Structure formats: C-alpha cells, structure tokens
C-alpha cells in the first residue's frame, strides 16, 4: 500500500501505450489484493478482476447476485496495491444504461484502468455455459454509449464483450461487435470462440484492440502466447486460474490434515512465512514505521 508509485491516471496511460505497442499483454486474474501483488512481482503486464471470481469468493454462482458496490470495493482493493493497470468485469452494467454509466464512473473513481460490459440479459450466466440469453443489439449499443459518455479520463478503457457467438453464430456476433465499436467501445471481447479460425475472423473484421479469454474448461482451446500473438490479439486474460490453483491446493491440503492428523506432510506445498512477509513488504513497512515514530524530543526548547 505504501510503496506503489503510479497514480491511477499513470496506470491508465500505461495500459493505453501497451495496447498500442503491438505486443500481447498478459493479464492473470487476481482473486484478492495479495494475489495481485504476486502477479506484479512475477512480471506480468496487468491484473484482471473477474466477476465470476468475485461471486465465487462470496460463495455465489456467477448469475448476477453480487452487487455493483461489492465489485467496486474489491476492484479498489486490488487496484491500490499494484502499479500495474487493472481492469474489471462489470457484467451487464448492473441495470439500465444509466446504471451502466454510474458503474463506469464508480470503477474509474476506484482507480481501475478499464472495465468490460457484456450483452447478456440479467440474470446473466457464465460466458462458457450453454443456455445464455442476449439483449438486442440496440439495447447493448445504448449500454455502451452510456458507459462511454460516463468516462472522465479518456484513457480509461471501455471493453465491450459479446456473448452472441453461442446464440446467434459467428457472423451475427461480428456484426454486433462492429456496432459496439461504433457506439464507443475501445476494445472488443469476443466470448467463447470455438476455434483459432473464429478468433482470426474477429481480428480481421475489427480495427480496435481485441481481448482473448483463456479460461480453463471452457469452449475455447487454451491457446499459448505465441499463438495469440500470431493471431494479432492485444490482451489475454486468465480469469479464474489463480483461484482454481488456490482452491485445488486447499482441497488437497485439507484432505491431508484429515488423513494424517497434522500438516507435516504438506509443508513443502505451502508458501513459507518468509515468502509471505516478503510479498507483504514487512521490512519496508517496519522501516517506514521506524522513520516516523522512532524519534526523541529534546529537553531544550527551540524556536
């Protein structure tokens, strides 16, 4: 907290420059602020904040039950601990177009570098589940226009996500995405593409930055960085990876305690206390504390 150096505006500017760099930006999902700090330490380009992960963290399914204020609070907590740009999922905008505008303004004020809004109906479903329903193109265009007009900082990146591929087919979904760009979207997020050819078709059809969602166990094959670079994509997110890793480790560790009666056989699988303290910057906080509070008051009055 005390040792981040970049302002929200500087992080947004860095995000814009990254999108224009021609390289693929990798944004792993952070399920909490500590995870975001680890993502920065590892040298990634940015941090993604998934709505599905925030809902899961509250032990809720990803069907629109978590609120805008809960999203904003977690987004602010994560954005404040890293000098990397971070962007957040805002589902369908939490209401009518005016609500979407308020949501964008709130996320900007929370220090985030961007957000994505989708064309599903509420209650929404996970983008890689069957049975999704989408709003008309006109309704989504209204959402995007309202969201775009709500921005104060022109470097705040508004991303329009389309779930139409699974409902209307690829060609219709591309037509929708073009309309979203015309409405003010800075980037497009084509959800649940089924092949590299579909990713390629979206890239060829649009002249704005494109985002690829490499979520595990979904509709899309997990393409590697080189493949996505060759396809001309600008950003890749790994939205649920860190949560799945953490929960998988918790599952195995708790089973081991039930089986063995202690943690001795799983110590090697844990993050050591010293590594946690290093990630938290205990030493730097202590040094800062000493510089403020460890002083002496002279007995001699001075002017």
Protein backbone atom coordinates (compact mmCIF):
# COMPACT_ATOMS: atom_id res chain seq x y z
CA UNK A 1 0.00 0.00 0.00
CA UNK A 2 2.68 2.50 1.00
CA UNK A 3 5.07 1.69 -1.81
CA UNK A 4 3.08 1.83 -5.02
CA UNK A 5 4.35 4.74 -7.08
CA UNK A 6 1.96 5.19 -10.00
CA UNK A 7 -1.28 7.12 -9.91
CA UNK A 8 -4.47 5.75 -11.46
CA UNK A 9 -4.01 8.14 -14.39
CA UNK A 10 -0.45 6.92 -14.96
CA UNK A 11 -1.58 3.29 -14.93
CA UNK A 12 -4.32 4.05 -17.46
CA UNK A 13 -1.83 5.80 -19.71
CA UNK A 14 0.49 2.78 -19.46
CA UNK A 15 -2.40 0.49 -20.41
CA UNK A 16 -3.16 2.57 -23.50
CA UNK A 17 0.50 2.54 -24.52
CA UNK A 18 0.60 -1.22 -24.02
CA UNK A 19 -2.41 -1.69 -26.27
CA UNK A 20 -0.68 0.33 -28.99
CA UNK A 21 2.65 -1.48 -28.61
CA UNK A 22 1.87 -4.41 -30.89
CA UNK A 23 2.71 -6.95 -28.18
CA UNK A 24 0.31 -9.31 -26.43
CA UNK A 25 -0.43 -8.16 -22.88
CA UNK A 26 -0.95 -10.92 -20.31
CA UNK A 27 -3.42 -10.19 -17.51
CA UNK A 28 -3.87 -13.04 -14.99
CA UNK A 29 -6.91 -12.81 -12.76
CA UNK A 30 -6.37 -11.83 -9.12
CA UNK A 31 -8.78 -13.26 -6.56
CA UNK A 32 -7.54 -10.86 -3.87
CA UNK A 33 -5.04 -7.99 -3.44
CA UNK A 34 -2.25 -10.28 -2.26
CA UNK A 35 -2.57 -12.29 -5.46
CA UNK A 36 -2.39 -9.05 -7.46
CA UNK A 37 0.90 -8.20 -5.76
CA UNK A 38 2.26 -11.62 -6.75
CA UNK A 39 1.18 -11.07 -10.36
CA UNK A 40 3.16 -7.83 -10.39
CA UNK A 41 6.21 -9.49 -8.81
CA UNK A 42 6.17 -12.18 -11.49
CA UNK A 43 6.44 -9.58 -14.23
CA UNK A 44 3.04 -9.74 -15.93
CA UNK A 45 1.61 -6.79 -17.83
CA UNK A 46 -1.52 -6.22 -15.76
CA UNK A 47 -4.19 -7.62 -13.46
CA UNK A 48 -7.67 -8.79 -14.37
CA UNK A 49 -10.59 -8.84 -11.91
CA UNK A 50 -13.23 -11.42 -12.83
CA UNK A 51 -16.89 -11.14 -11.89
CA UNK A 52 -17.15 -14.91 -11.70
CA UNK A 53 -14.25 -14.99 -9.24
CA UNK A 54 -15.71 -12.21 -7.11
CA UNK A 55 -19.01 -14.08 -6.96
CA UNK A 56 -17.25 -17.34 -6.12
CA UNK A 57 -15.26 -15.59 -3.39
CA UNK A 58 -18.64 -14.71 -1.84
CA UNK A 59 -19.74 -18.35 -2.34
CA UNK A 60 -22.23 -17.26 -5.00
CA UNK A 61 -22.75 -18.56 -8.55
CA UNK A 62 -21.97 -16.24 -11.45
CA UNK A 63 -25.60 -15.27 -12.14
CA UNK A 64 -25.63 -11.59 -11.24
CA UNK A 65 -26.17 -11.88 -7.49
CA UNK A 66 -23.12 -9.88 -6.43
CA UNK A 67 -23.71 -6.13 -6.40
CA UNK A 68 -22.01 -3.16 -8.04
CA UNK A 69 -20.72 -1.89 -4.70
CA UNK A 70 -19.19 -5.29 -3.91
CA UNK A 71 -17.46 -5.26 -7.30
CA UNK A 72 -16.21 -1.70 -6.82
CA UNK A 73 -14.88 -2.43 -3.36
CA UNK A 74 -12.88 -5.44 -4.50
CA UNK A 75 -11.68 -3.58 -7.59
CA UNK A 76 -10.42 -0.69 -5.47
CA UNK A 77 -8.70 -3.07 -3.04
CA UNK A 78 -6.82 -4.72 -5.89
CA UNK A 79 -6.03 -1.58 -7.90
CA UNK A 80 -4.49 0.19 -4.91
CA UNK A 81 -1.79 -2.46 -4.24
CA UNK A 82 -0.19 -2.62 -7.68
CA UNK A 83 1.49 -0.31 -10.15
CA UNK A 84 0.14 -2.47 -12.97
CA UNK A 85 -3.01 -1.46 -14.85
CA UNK A 86 -6.03 -3.47 -13.76
CA UNK A 87 -9.41 -3.84 -15.38
CA UNK A 88 -12.63 -5.32 -14.07
CA UNK A 89 -15.69 -7.24 -15.22
CA UNK A 90 -18.92 -5.26 -14.67
CA UNK A 91 -21.29 -7.92 -16.05
CA UNK A 92 -24.20 -6.17 -17.77
CA UNK A 93 -23.64 -2.84 -16.04
CA UNK A 94 -25.92 -3.57 -13.05
CA UNK A 95 -29.09 -2.17 -14.58
CA UNK A 96 -30.33 0.13 -17.31
CA UNK A 97 -27.90 2.23 -19.42
CA UNK A 98 -27.88 4.97 -16.78
CA UNK A 99 -26.83 2.38 -14.21
CA UNK A 100 -24.05 1.25 -16.56
CA UNK A 101 -22.87 4.87 -16.74
CA UNK A 102 -22.82 5.12 -12.95
CA UNK A 103 -20.92 1.83 -12.74
CA UNK A 104 -18.22 3.01 -15.13
CA UNK A 105 -17.82 6.26 -13.24
CA UNK A 106 -17.57 4.31 -9.96
CA UNK A 107 -14.91 1.97 -11.34
CA UNK A 108 -12.91 4.89 -12.66
CA UNK A 109 -13.08 6.55 -9.25
CA UNK A 110 -11.92 3.27 -7.67
CA UNK A 111 -8.61 3.59 -9.54
CA UNK A 112 -9.17 0.96 -12.20
CA UNK A 113 -7.79 1.25 -15.72
CA UNK A 114 -10.79 -0.18 -17.55
CA UNK A 115 -13.80 -2.46 -17.44
CA UNK A 116 -15.82 -4.72 -19.72
CA UNK A 117 -19.58 -4.78 -20.15
CA UNK A 118 -21.49 -7.60 -21.85
CA UNK A 119 -24.59 -8.09 -23.97
CA UNK A 120 -26.30 -10.76 -21.89
CA UNK A 121 -29.65 -10.33 -20.20
CA UNK A 122 -29.91 -10.29 -16.43
CA UNK A 123 -29.59 -12.60 -14.61
CA UNK A 124 -26.50 -13.40 -16.65
CA UNK A 125 -24.66 -16.73 -16.89
CA UNK A 126 -21.04 -17.69 -17.10
CA UNK A 127 -19.87 -16.96 -20.64
CA UNK A 128 -18.85 -20.57 -21.30
CA UNK A 129 -22.13 -22.16 -20.18
CA UNK A 130 -24.95 -23.12 -22.51
CA UNK A 131 -28.37 -21.51 -22.36
CA UNK A 132 -27.28 -17.87 -22.39
CA UNK A 133 -29.67 -15.14 -23.48
CA UNK A 134 -28.58 -11.86 -25.01
CA UNK A 135 -30.19 -8.46 -25.38
CA UNK A 136 -30.84 -6.87 -28.76
CA UNK A 137 -28.02 -5.03 -30.48
CA UNK A 138 -29.87 -1.75 -29.90
CA UNK A 139 -30.02 -2.31 -26.13
CA UNK A 140 -26.33 -3.16 -25.93
CA UNK A 141 -25.45 -0.13 -28.04
CA UNK A 142 -27.31 2.01 -25.50
CA UNK A 143 -25.28 0.41 -22.69
CA UNK A 144 -22.01 1.06 -24.48
CA UNK A 145 -22.89 4.64 -25.38
CA UNK A 146 -23.90 5.43 -21.81
CA UNK A 147 -20.76 3.80 -20.44
CA UNK A 148 -18.52 5.65 -22.91
CA UNK A 149 -20.07 9.01 -22.12
CA UNK A 150 -19.59 8.43 -18.38
CA UNK A 151 -15.79 8.31 -18.62
CA UNK A 152 -13.87 11.29 -17.28
CA UNK A 153 -10.42 10.00 -18.17
CA UNK A 154 -10.17 9.29 -21.92
CA UNK A 155 -7.51 6.68 -21.15
CA UNK A 156 -9.99 4.58 -19.15
CA UNK A 157 -10.51 1.56 -21.46
CA UNK A 158 -14.11 0.54 -22.14
CA UNK A 159 -14.32 -3.04 -23.37
CA UNK A 160 -17.49 -4.46 -24.95
CA UNK A 161 -17.94 -8.18 -24.50
CA UNK A 162 -20.20 -10.12 -26.85
CA UNK A 163 -21.70 -13.46 -25.87
CA UNK A 164 -23.58 -13.66 -29.16
CA UNK A 165 -21.39 -16.36 -30.76
CA UNK A 166 -23.15 -19.15 -28.88
CA UNK A 167 -26.62 -17.70 -29.51
CA UNK A 168 -26.61 -16.15 -32.99
CA UNK A 169 -23.49 -17.55 -34.63
CA UNK A 170 -20.15 -16.03 -35.57
CA UNK A 171 -21.18 -13.69 -38.40
CA UNK A 172 -24.00 -12.11 -36.41
CA UNK A 173 -21.73 -11.73 -33.40
CA UNK A 174 -19.15 -9.90 -35.53
CA UNK A 175 -21.85 -7.53 -36.80
CA UNK A 176 -22.75 -6.82 -33.18
CA UNK A 177 -19.14 -6.16 -32.24
CA UNK A 178 -18.78 -3.65 -35.06
CA UNK A 179 -21.85 -1.82 -33.72
CA UNK A 180 -20.33 -1.78 -30.23
CA UNK A 181 -17.16 -0.17 -31.58
CA UNK A 182 -19.25 2.46 -33.35
CA UNK A 183 -21.03 3.11 -30.04
CA UNK A 184 -17.77 3.93 -28.25
CA UNK A 185 -16.08 0.68 -27.18
CA UNK A 186 -12.28 0.94 -27.07
CA UNK A 187 -11.72 -2.81 -27.16
CA UNK A 188 -13.75 -5.92 -28.04
CA UNK A 189 -14.01 -9.14 -26.02
CA UNK A 190 -15.39 -11.98 -28.18
CA UNK A 191 -16.53 -14.57 -25.66
CA UNK A 192 -16.47 -18.37 -26.13
CA UNK A 193 -14.88 -18.64 -29.56
CA UNK A 194 -14.69 -22.27 -30.65
CA UNK A 195 -11.55 -22.30 -32.80
CA UNK A 196 -8.49 -20.37 -33.89
CA UNK A 197 -10.31 -19.64 -37.16
CA UNK A 198 -13.05 -17.84 -35.24
CA UNK A 199 -10.52 -15.77 -33.30
CA UNK A 200 -8.87 -14.94 -36.62
CA UNK A 201 -12.17 -13.90 -38.21
CA UNK A 202 -12.88 -11.47 -35.37
CA UNK A 203 -9.40 -9.99 -35.63
CA UNK A 204 -9.76 -9.44 -39.37
CA UNK A 205 -13.17 -7.81 -39.00
CA UNK A 206 -12.24 -5.18 -36.40
CA UNK A 207 -9.60 -2.46 -36.20
CA UNK A 208 -9.64 -1.95 -32.42
CA UNK A 209 -7.74 -3.95 -29.77
CA UNK A 210 -9.12 -7.45 -29.17
CA UNK A 211 -9.11 -9.50 -25.97
CA UNK A 212 -8.84 -13.29 -25.72
CA UNK A 213 -10.28 -15.16 -22.76
CA UNK A 214 -8.20 -18.23 -21.94
CA UNK A 215 -10.33 -19.70 -19.17
CA UNK A 216 -9.88 -23.35 -18.29
CA UNK A 217 -12.58 -25.95 -19.03
CA UNK A 218 -14.42 -23.63 -21.42
CA UNK A 219 -15.44 -23.55 -25.09
CA UNK A 220 -12.08 -22.31 -26.38
CA UNK A 221 -8.87 -24.32 -26.67
CA UNK A 222 -6.18 -22.88 -24.41
CA UNK A 223 -4.01 -21.04 -26.92
CA UNK A 224 -0.50 -20.13 -25.86
CA UNK A 225 1.07 -16.69 -26.01
CA UNK A 226 2.78 -17.25 -29.37
CA UNK A 227 -0.44 -18.44 -31.00
CA UNK A 228 -2.37 -15.41 -29.76
CA UNK A 229 0.41 -13.07 -30.88
CA UNK A 230 0.33 -14.62 -34.35
CA UNK A 231 -3.44 -14.08 -34.44
CA UNK A 232 -2.90 -10.40 -33.70
CA UNK A 233 -4.59 -10.24 -30.30
CA UNK A 234 -3.73 -7.45 -27.90
CA UNK A 235 -4.71 -8.79 -24.45
CA UNK A 236 -5.16 -12.23 -22.96
CA UNK A 237 -6.84 -12.84 -19.62
CA UNK A 238 -6.52 -15.93 -17.42
CA UNK A 239 -9.56 -15.07 -15.28
CA UNK A 240 -10.01 -17.96 -12.85
CA UNK A 241 -6.59 -19.63 -12.98
CA UNK A 242 -5.23 -18.37 -9.66
CA UNK A 243 -8.45 -19.13 -7.79
CA UNK A 244 -8.55 -22.64 -9.23
CA UNK A 245 -4.92 -23.20 -8.26
CA UNK A 246 -5.51 -21.93 -4.74
CA UNK A 247 -8.71 -23.88 -4.17
CA UNK A 248 -7.16 -27.03 -5.61
CA UNK A 249 -4.26 -26.73 -3.15
CA UNK A 250 -6.67 -26.06 -0.27
CA UNK A 251 -8.70 -29.12 -1.20
CA UNK A 252 -5.67 -31.40 -1.19
CA UNK A 253 -4.22 -29.87 1.97
CA UNK A 254 -7.41 -30.21 3.99
CA UNK A 255 -7.71 -33.84 2.89
CA UNK A 256 -4.14 -34.42 4.09
CA UNK A 257 -4.93 -33.00 7.54
CA UNK A 258 -7.98 -35.26 7.84
CA UNK A 259 -5.91 -38.26 6.76
CA UNK A 260 -2.69 -37.62 8.71
CA UNK A 261 -3.90 -35.56 11.65
CA UNK A 262 -1.34 -32.77 11.04
CA UNK A 263 0.28 -30.65 8.32
CA UNK A 264 3.77 -32.18 8.39
CA UNK A 265 3.46 -33.90 5.00
CA UNK A 266 2.24 -30.81 3.16
CA UNK A 267 4.65 -28.13 4.41
CA UNK A 268 6.57 -28.23 1.13
CA UNK A 269 3.36 -27.31 -0.74
CA UNK A 270 2.80 -24.15 1.31
CA UNK A 271 4.04 -20.62 0.79
CA UNK A 272 6.67 -20.15 3.50
CA UNK A 273 6.17 -17.44 6.12
CA UNK A 274 9.29 -15.61 4.90
CA UNK A 275 7.94 -15.51 1.33
CA UNK A 276 4.59 -14.18 2.53
CA UNK A 277 6.33 -11.50 4.58
CA UNK A 278 8.47 -10.57 1.58
CA UNK A 279 5.37 -10.26 -0.62
CA UNK A 280 3.70 -8.12 2.03
CA UNK A 281 6.86 -5.96 2.35
CA UNK A 282 7.01 -6.34 6.11
CA UNK A 283 10.55 -4.96 6.20
CA UNK A 284 9.60 -1.84 4.22
CA UNK A 285 6.58 -1.17 6.42
CA UNK A 286 8.73 -1.56 9.50
CA UNK A 287 11.36 0.78 8.09
CA UNK A 288 8.68 3.35 7.28
CA UNK A 289 7.21 3.00 10.77
CA UNK A 290 10.61 3.50 12.42
CA UNK A 291 11.33 6.60 10.34
CA UNK A 292 8.12 8.19 11.61
CA UNK A 293 7.85 7.11 15.21
CA UNK A 294 11.38 6.40 16.44
CA UNK A 295 12.47 9.90 17.39
CA UNK A 296 13.49 11.74 20.55
CA UNK A 297 12.15 15.02 21.90
CA UNK A 298 14.83 17.42 23.08
CA UNK A 299 14.63 18.83 26.61
CA UNK A 300 15.85 22.17 25.27
CA UNK A 301 13.11 24.39 23.82
CA UNK A 302 13.74 25.56 20.26
CA UNK A 303 12.06 28.15 18.12
